[in-house]
Structures are given as C-alpha cells and as structure tokens.
Amino acid sequence: MTDDTQGSDTAQGPGRALGRKTIRASVKPRELMTQTPDLAGAWLAQVITLFPTAFPGVLGESLTGKALAEGLWQLQTFDLREFGEGRHRNVDDTPAGGGAGMVLRADVVARAIASARAQADGIMPLVYLSPRGRRFDQEMARNWARADGVTLLCGRFEGVDQRVLDHFGIEEVSLGDFVMTGGEIAAQAMIDAAVRLRPGVLGNEQSAVDESHSAGLLEHPHFTRPAIWEGREIPEVLQSGHHARIAQWRHEQAKALTRARRPDLWERWLARQD
C-alpha cells in the first residue's frame, strides 16, 4: 500500500537546507518564518526523499556535524511528497504490467529532480540509490568529495519509473549487495564517506590517508594504553619509537589482513604493483 498522507499545498519549492553563513527566505509557505542557509562555495549534498526529517540524522553528529555547523558543507533535503499529484500529493502508482507493490512516478520524481538541479552549481553527480547499481567504494567517495557536491535520489516501494532514470541519465549506486526499505540510510552513509574527505573536516588530515581502502589495502591494527591488558601486550615495535620500523610493520600487517580477509582487494592491489 502507498502512504497518502497529505503534504504541502505547494507543488514545487526549494529544499530544506542545513548549515550556516548567509541566509535567504524560502518560498515555501510553511518556511516563510524560517531562515534557510545559502553557503556560497560549500560542498553541497542534496537529498530527494519521502522522509526529509530523517536528515541530517547521524550526519549532524561528531565531525560531520561540526563541519556542517561551520559551513564546510551544506545539506539540502527535497520532500518528494511536495511534488506529488492531486490533493493528497500522490507520488506512486501500480506497476505497469501488474505485480506487487508500488512504483514512484516519473513525473513526480522529475519535478523534484528539476527543482534540486536548479539549485545545484558546478559539477554534482546525480545518483539514484539502488541495489542494482554499481557498488559504492572509497574511489567513488573521493570523486564525490572532489566535485562541488552530489544529488541523491532515495528510492522507496518497488523503485522508480525507469523512464525518469533514462531521461536524466541518472547513475545508479548501491551501498552493498542487499536490499533496504529505502535509500535514506545509504544516503547518509555515502554522504559521510565523501564529507570526511573534504578539507578541514577531519581533525588530522593524515587519518584519511592511513585508513582502510585509501591505499587499496585494509587498515593495520591499532593499539593504545594500557600497555598490557588481560595478559595481551602491545607489539614491541610500536613502543620502539623507531618510525621507519613502525611504518614497515603497519604496512606488512595491512597486507596480511587484506590477503586473509579480502582476497578480491588483495588481487587488485597486487595487479597495481606490476
């Protein structure tokens, strides 16, 4: 069944934005008394969703939340219901040819995408979060971080009318080989992966260089105080103060872990060494 909860009486309008810096008034009636940030030059994440109140979610916490508050990046949500059809703002319909579930309508999704892209500047990939898409990885996160932002369409029900995907040339991306009830959780995960690579977001920029997948290998093990816990000692080399030996040990550990746990990554890493 579809959710026919009544939405706004305005069929189009800008999305809800989170961040700081200069502000502008929104044209949506329900937001005329609020202030919507307009962050010039900030990396922009746009999310088209039936559940805008799910954002920022965990993106508003820790380092990503701090960076959002400081204007290092901006988040805009576009409520798909506001672009729906009729008095009840319907966004879906039964699948052509029959079958279970409902499908998000091409005309409704197109209006939401057009509204979002009208506010997008520079290079911003347009992505539909779909289990049949290319699997998201660190390389994709780096590419998004180098762009001016990203526009993410969160699917629901049985998916989106194929015609709108073809019309806009939307790239399909998957969080992994499993199916979720919608794209919102995946969107937050992918935005987090990209935002943390933006300049100034991480407290220690070297962290993004040393972590898993950055060099094609899984990350080495980490240790901290106490030096002995439950009879287990920190490896002696890590307490030696010899930086070259420590770096070599960590590299060897990263290779061993990758070879044992992710043979697919290991084979790709070996191929790049030739």
Protein backbone atom coordinates (compact mmCIF):
# COMPACT_ATOMS: atom_id res chain seq x y z
CA MET A 1 0.00 0.00 0.00
CA THR A 2 1.04 3.57 -0.54
CA ASP A 3 1.14 6.35 2.02
CA ASP A 4 -1.38 9.03 1.03
CA THR A 5 -0.57 11.42 3.85
CA GLN A 6 -1.46 14.91 2.75
CA GLY A 7 1.52 17.15 2.05
CA SER A 8 2.08 20.83 1.41
CA ASP A 9 -0.26 22.71 -0.90
CA THR A 10 2.79 23.94 -2.81
CA ALA A 11 3.82 21.62 -5.62
CA GLN A 12 7.32 22.98 -6.02
CA GLY A 13 9.88 24.80 -3.96
CA PRO A 14 13.46 24.68 -2.68
CA GLY A 15 14.52 22.01 -0.25
CA ARG A 16 15.22 22.36 3.44
CA ALA A 17 18.85 23.30 3.98
CA LEU A 18 21.09 22.86 6.99
CA GLY A 19 24.29 24.76 7.73
CA ARG A 20 25.16 28.38 8.43
CA LYS A 21 26.57 31.59 6.80
CA THR A 22 24.40 33.89 4.67
CA ILE A 23 20.68 33.26 4.71
CA ARG A 24 17.70 33.65 2.42
CA ALA A 25 13.96 33.21 2.85
CA SER A 26 12.39 30.09 1.37
CA VAL A 27 9.38 30.46 -0.97
CA LYS A 28 7.54 27.54 0.63
CA PRO A 29 4.66 28.92 2.75
CA ARG A 30 5.47 26.77 5.76
CA GLU A 31 9.03 28.10 5.80
CA LEU A 32 8.40 31.82 5.33
CA MET A 33 9.11 32.36 9.00
CA THR A 34 12.36 30.38 8.92
CA GLN A 35 15.82 31.07 7.59
CA THR A 36 17.47 28.81 5.05
CA PRO A 37 21.26 28.94 4.71
CA ASP A 38 22.89 29.69 1.37
CA LEU A 39 26.51 28.62 1.68
CA ALA A 40 28.49 30.07 -1.20
CA GLY A 41 31.22 27.68 -2.28
CA ALA A 42 30.39 24.99 0.28
CA TRP A 43 30.22 21.33 -0.80
CA LEU A 44 26.52 20.58 -1.26
CA ALA A 45 24.66 17.34 -0.56
CA GLN A 46 21.13 17.32 -1.96
CA VAL A 47 18.77 14.52 -0.95
CA ILE A 48 15.41 13.84 -2.62
CA THR A 49 13.37 11.76 -0.19
CA LEU A 50 9.94 10.97 1.20
CA PHE A 51 11.42 11.36 4.67
CA PRO A 52 13.27 14.70 4.89
CA THR A 53 13.04 14.68 8.69
CA ALA A 54 15.44 11.71 8.68
CA PHE A 55 18.20 14.22 7.90
CA PRO A 56 20.75 15.18 8.99
CA GLY A 57 20.50 12.14 11.29
CA VAL A 58 23.96 10.90 12.20
CA LEU A 59 25.40 13.45 9.78
CA GLY A 60 24.60 16.08 12.41
CA GLU A 61 26.88 14.40 14.95
CA SER A 62 30.63 14.31 15.56
CA LEU A 63 32.98 15.68 12.90
CA THR A 64 30.44 15.82 10.07
CA GLY A 65 28.00 17.69 12.31
CA LYS A 66 30.69 20.13 13.39
CA ALA A 67 31.68 20.70 9.76
CA LEU A 68 28.02 21.25 8.84
CA ALA A 69 27.63 23.85 11.59
CA GLU A 70 30.84 25.56 10.48
CA GLY A 71 29.68 25.79 6.87
CA LEU A 72 32.28 23.42 5.41
CA TRP A 73 29.43 21.62 3.68
CA GLN A 74 25.69 22.10 3.21
CA LEU A 75 22.75 19.70 3.27
CA GLN A 76 19.53 20.27 1.32
CA THR A 77 16.53 17.96 1.50
CA PHE A 78 13.71 17.89 -1.06
CA ASP A 79 10.45 16.37 0.14
CA LEU A 80 9.21 14.20 -2.71
CA ARG A 81 5.65 14.49 -1.38
CA GLU A 82 5.61 18.21 -2.20
CA PHE A 83 5.93 17.38 -5.89
CA GLY A 84 3.13 14.79 -5.79
CA GLU A 85 -0.09 14.65 -7.79
CA GLY A 86 -3.51 15.85 -6.64
CA ARG A 87 -4.87 16.95 -3.31
CA HIS A 88 -3.14 14.13 -1.47
CA ARG A 89 0.18 14.61 -3.24
CA ASN A 90 0.37 11.03 -4.51
CA VAL A 91 3.90 10.05 -5.50
CA ASP A 92 3.44 6.45 -6.66
CA ASP A 93 1.20 4.15 -8.66
CA THR A 94 0.78 0.47 -9.50
CA PRO A 95 3.43 -1.13 -11.73
CA ALA A 96 2.65 -1.35 -15.44
CA GLY A 97 2.11 -4.98 -16.38
CA GLY A 98 0.99 -5.91 -12.88
CA GLY A 99 2.90 -7.12 -9.88
CA ALA A 100 3.25 -6.41 -6.19
CA GLY A 101 4.00 -3.06 -4.59
CA MET A 102 4.05 0.47 -5.95
CA VAL A 103 6.44 2.46 -8.16
CA LEU A 104 7.48 6.10 -7.79
CA ARG A 105 6.00 8.10 -10.67
CA ALA A 106 8.27 9.54 -13.38
CA ASP A 107 6.51 12.91 -13.48
CA VAL A 108 6.68 13.39 -9.71
CA VAL A 109 10.34 12.40 -9.45
CA ALA A 110 11.21 14.57 -12.46
CA ARG A 111 9.75 17.67 -10.82
CA ALA A 112 11.76 17.03 -7.66
CA ILE A 113 14.98 16.48 -9.63
CA ALA A 114 14.42 19.64 -11.69
CA SER A 115 13.93 21.67 -8.50
CA ALA A 116 17.10 20.27 -6.94
CA ARG A 117 19.25 20.69 -10.03
CA ALA A 118 18.08 24.28 -10.45
CA GLN A 119 19.84 25.00 -7.16
CA ALA A 120 22.96 22.94 -7.94
CA ASP A 121 26.10 24.70 -9.13
CA GLY A 122 29.22 23.25 -10.68
CA ILE A 123 29.93 19.53 -11.02
CA MET A 124 27.43 17.48 -8.99
CA PRO A 125 26.77 13.80 -9.84
CA LEU A 126 23.09 12.82 -9.99
CA VAL A 127 22.64 9.45 -8.29
CA TYR A 128 19.76 7.05 -7.62
CA LEU A 129 20.39 4.79 -4.63
CA SER A 130 19.50 1.35 -5.96
CA PRO A 131 20.52 -2.26 -5.11
CA ARG A 132 21.12 -2.90 -8.81
CA GLY A 133 23.65 -0.06 -9.12
CA ARG A 134 27.43 -0.01 -9.04
CA ARG A 135 28.71 -0.72 -5.55
CA PHE A 136 29.81 2.37 -3.64
CA ASP A 137 33.50 2.39 -2.71
CA GLN A 138 36.28 4.67 -1.50
CA GLU A 139 37.21 5.74 -5.01
CA MET A 140 33.66 6.95 -5.60
CA ALA A 141 33.70 8.78 -2.27
CA ARG A 142 36.90 10.55 -3.32
CA ASN A 143 35.40 11.53 -6.68
CA TRP A 144 32.31 12.96 -5.00
CA ALA A 145 34.47 14.84 -2.49
CA ARG A 146 36.44 16.44 -5.34
CA ALA A 147 33.19 17.58 -7.01
CA ASP A 148 31.05 20.52 -5.89
CA GLY A 149 28.54 18.17 -4.29
CA VAL A 150 26.11 15.36 -5.10
CA THR A 151 22.35 14.97 -5.67
CA LEU A 152 20.95 11.72 -4.25
CA LEU A 153 17.53 10.27 -5.07
CA CYS A 154 16.27 7.91 -2.35
CA GLY A 155 14.04 5.16 -3.69
CA ARG A 156 11.06 3.62 -1.91
CA PHE A 157 8.48 0.91 -2.60
CA GLU A 158 9.42 -1.15 -5.67
CA GLY A 159 11.61 1.59 -7.10
CA VAL A 160 11.42 4.43 -9.64
CA ASP A 161 9.85 4.55 -13.09
CA GLN A 162 12.70 3.66 -15.46
CA ARG A 163 11.81 6.48 -17.83
CA VAL A 164 12.89 9.21 -15.43
CA LEU A 165 16.20 7.43 -14.80
CA ASP A 166 16.83 7.26 -18.55
CA HIS A 167 15.67 10.83 -19.17
CA PHE A 168 18.11 12.38 -16.71
CA GLY A 169 20.89 9.84 -17.27
CA ILE A 170 20.91 9.07 -13.55
CA GLU A 171 23.74 6.91 -12.24
CA GLU A 172 22.60 4.02 -10.04
CA VAL A 173 24.73 3.30 -6.97
CA SER A 174 24.35 0.59 -4.32
CA LEU A 175 25.60 0.55 -0.74
CA GLY A 176 26.08 -3.21 -0.98
CA ASP A 177 24.62 -6.49 -2.14
CA PHE A 178 21.49 -6.37 0.00
CA VAL A 179 18.07 -4.70 -0.12
CA MET A 180 16.82 -1.97 2.25
CA THR A 181 13.40 -0.38 2.63
CA GLY A 182 14.64 2.90 1.22
CA GLY A 183 17.71 4.88 0.29
CA GLU A 184 17.89 7.24 3.28
CA ILE A 185 20.32 5.21 5.41
CA ALA A 186 22.50 4.54 2.38
CA ALA A 187 22.46 8.25 1.52
CA GLN A 188 23.72 9.18 4.96
CA ALA A 189 26.50 6.59 4.77
CA MET A 190 27.66 7.80 1.36
CA ILE A 191 27.50 11.48 2.28
CA ASP A 192 29.54 10.77 5.41
CA ALA A 193 32.19 8.95 3.37
CA ALA A 194 32.50 11.91 0.98
CA VAL A 195 32.25 14.76 3.51
CA ARG A 196 35.01 13.41 5.75
CA LEU A 197 37.39 13.69 2.78
CA ARG A 198 36.70 17.39 2.35
CA PRO A 199 39.44 19.81 3.52
CA GLY A 200 39.13 20.82 7.15
CA VAL A 201 36.58 18.18 8.18
CA LEU A 202 38.93 15.70 9.85
CA GLY A 203 40.98 16.94 12.79
CA ASN A 204 44.01 15.08 11.42
CA GLU A 205 44.18 15.02 7.61
CA GLN A 206 46.62 12.09 7.78
CA SER A 207 43.78 9.92 9.11
CA ALA A 208 42.19 9.82 5.66
CA VAL A 209 45.49 8.70 4.14
CA ASP A 210 46.22 5.82 6.51
CA GLU A 211 42.75 4.25 6.82
CA SER A 212 41.31 1.18 5.11
CA HIS A 213 40.85 1.30 1.32
CA SER A 214 42.74 4.59 0.88
CA ALA A 215 45.80 2.79 -0.49
CA GLY A 216 43.93 -0.28 -1.71
CA LEU A 217 44.62 -2.25 1.48
CA LEU A 218 42.73 -2.79 4.71
CA GLU A 219 43.99 -0.77 7.65
CA HIS A 220 46.58 -2.14 10.08
CA PRO A 221 45.61 -2.98 13.71
CA HIS A 222 45.54 -0.20 16.32
CA PHE A 223 46.59 -0.25 19.98
CA THR A 224 46.60 2.18 22.89
CA ARG A 225 47.08 2.20 26.67
CA PRO A 226 47.31 0.23 28.87
CA ALA A 227 50.44 -1.44 27.52
CA ILE A 228 49.28 -4.80 28.91
CA TRP A 229 45.57 -5.72 29.02
CA GLU A 230 44.22 -9.13 30.02
CA GLY A 231 47.72 -10.51 29.53
CA ARG A 232 47.92 -9.15 25.99
CA GLU A 233 50.79 -6.76 25.22
CA ILE A 234 51.09 -4.03 22.63
CA PRO A 235 53.52 -5.24 19.92
CA GLU A 236 57.05 -4.30 20.90
CA VAL A 237 57.78 -2.50 17.62
CA LEU A 238 55.03 0.05 18.35
CA GLN A 239 56.78 1.00 21.58
CA SER A 240 60.24 1.25 20.00
CA GLY A 241 59.96 4.85 18.81
CA HIS A 242 61.57 3.76 15.53
CA HIS A 243 59.26 5.36 12.97
CA ALA A 244 60.61 3.56 9.91
CA ARG A 245 60.22 0.15 11.60
CA ILE A 246 56.73 1.06 12.78
CA ALA A 247 55.70 2.14 9.28
CA GLN A 248 57.05 -1.09 7.81
CA TRP A 249 55.26 -3.20 10.46
CA ARG A 250 51.97 -1.44 9.80
CA HIS A 251 52.34 -1.92 6.05
CA GLU A 252 53.05 -5.63 6.45
CA GLN A 253 50.07 -6.01 8.80
CA ALA A 254 47.84 -4.23 6.28
CA LYS A 255 48.95 -6.59 3.53
CA ALA A 256 48.44 -9.68 5.69
CA LEU A 257 44.94 -8.61 6.76
CA THR A 258 43.92 -7.79 3.20
CA ARG A 259 45.26 -11.08 1.86
CA ALA A 260 43.40 -13.06 4.56
CA ARG A 261 40.10 -11.17 4.73
CA ARG A 262 39.60 -9.61 1.29
CA PRO A 263 41.30 -11.68 -1.42
CA ASP A 264 39.45 -9.60 -4.03
CA LEU A 265 41.14 -6.42 -2.80
CA TRP A 266 44.44 -8.24 -2.47
CA GLU A 267 44.39 -9.34 -6.10
CA ARG A 268 43.61 -5.80 -7.26
CA TRP A 269 46.38 -4.38 -5.09
CA LEU A 270 48.91 -6.92 -6.47
CA ALA A 271 47.90 -6.07 -10.03
CA ARG A 272 48.66 -2.40 -9.40
CA GLN A 273 52.16 -3.21 -8.16
CA ASP A 274 53.24 -4.59 -11.55
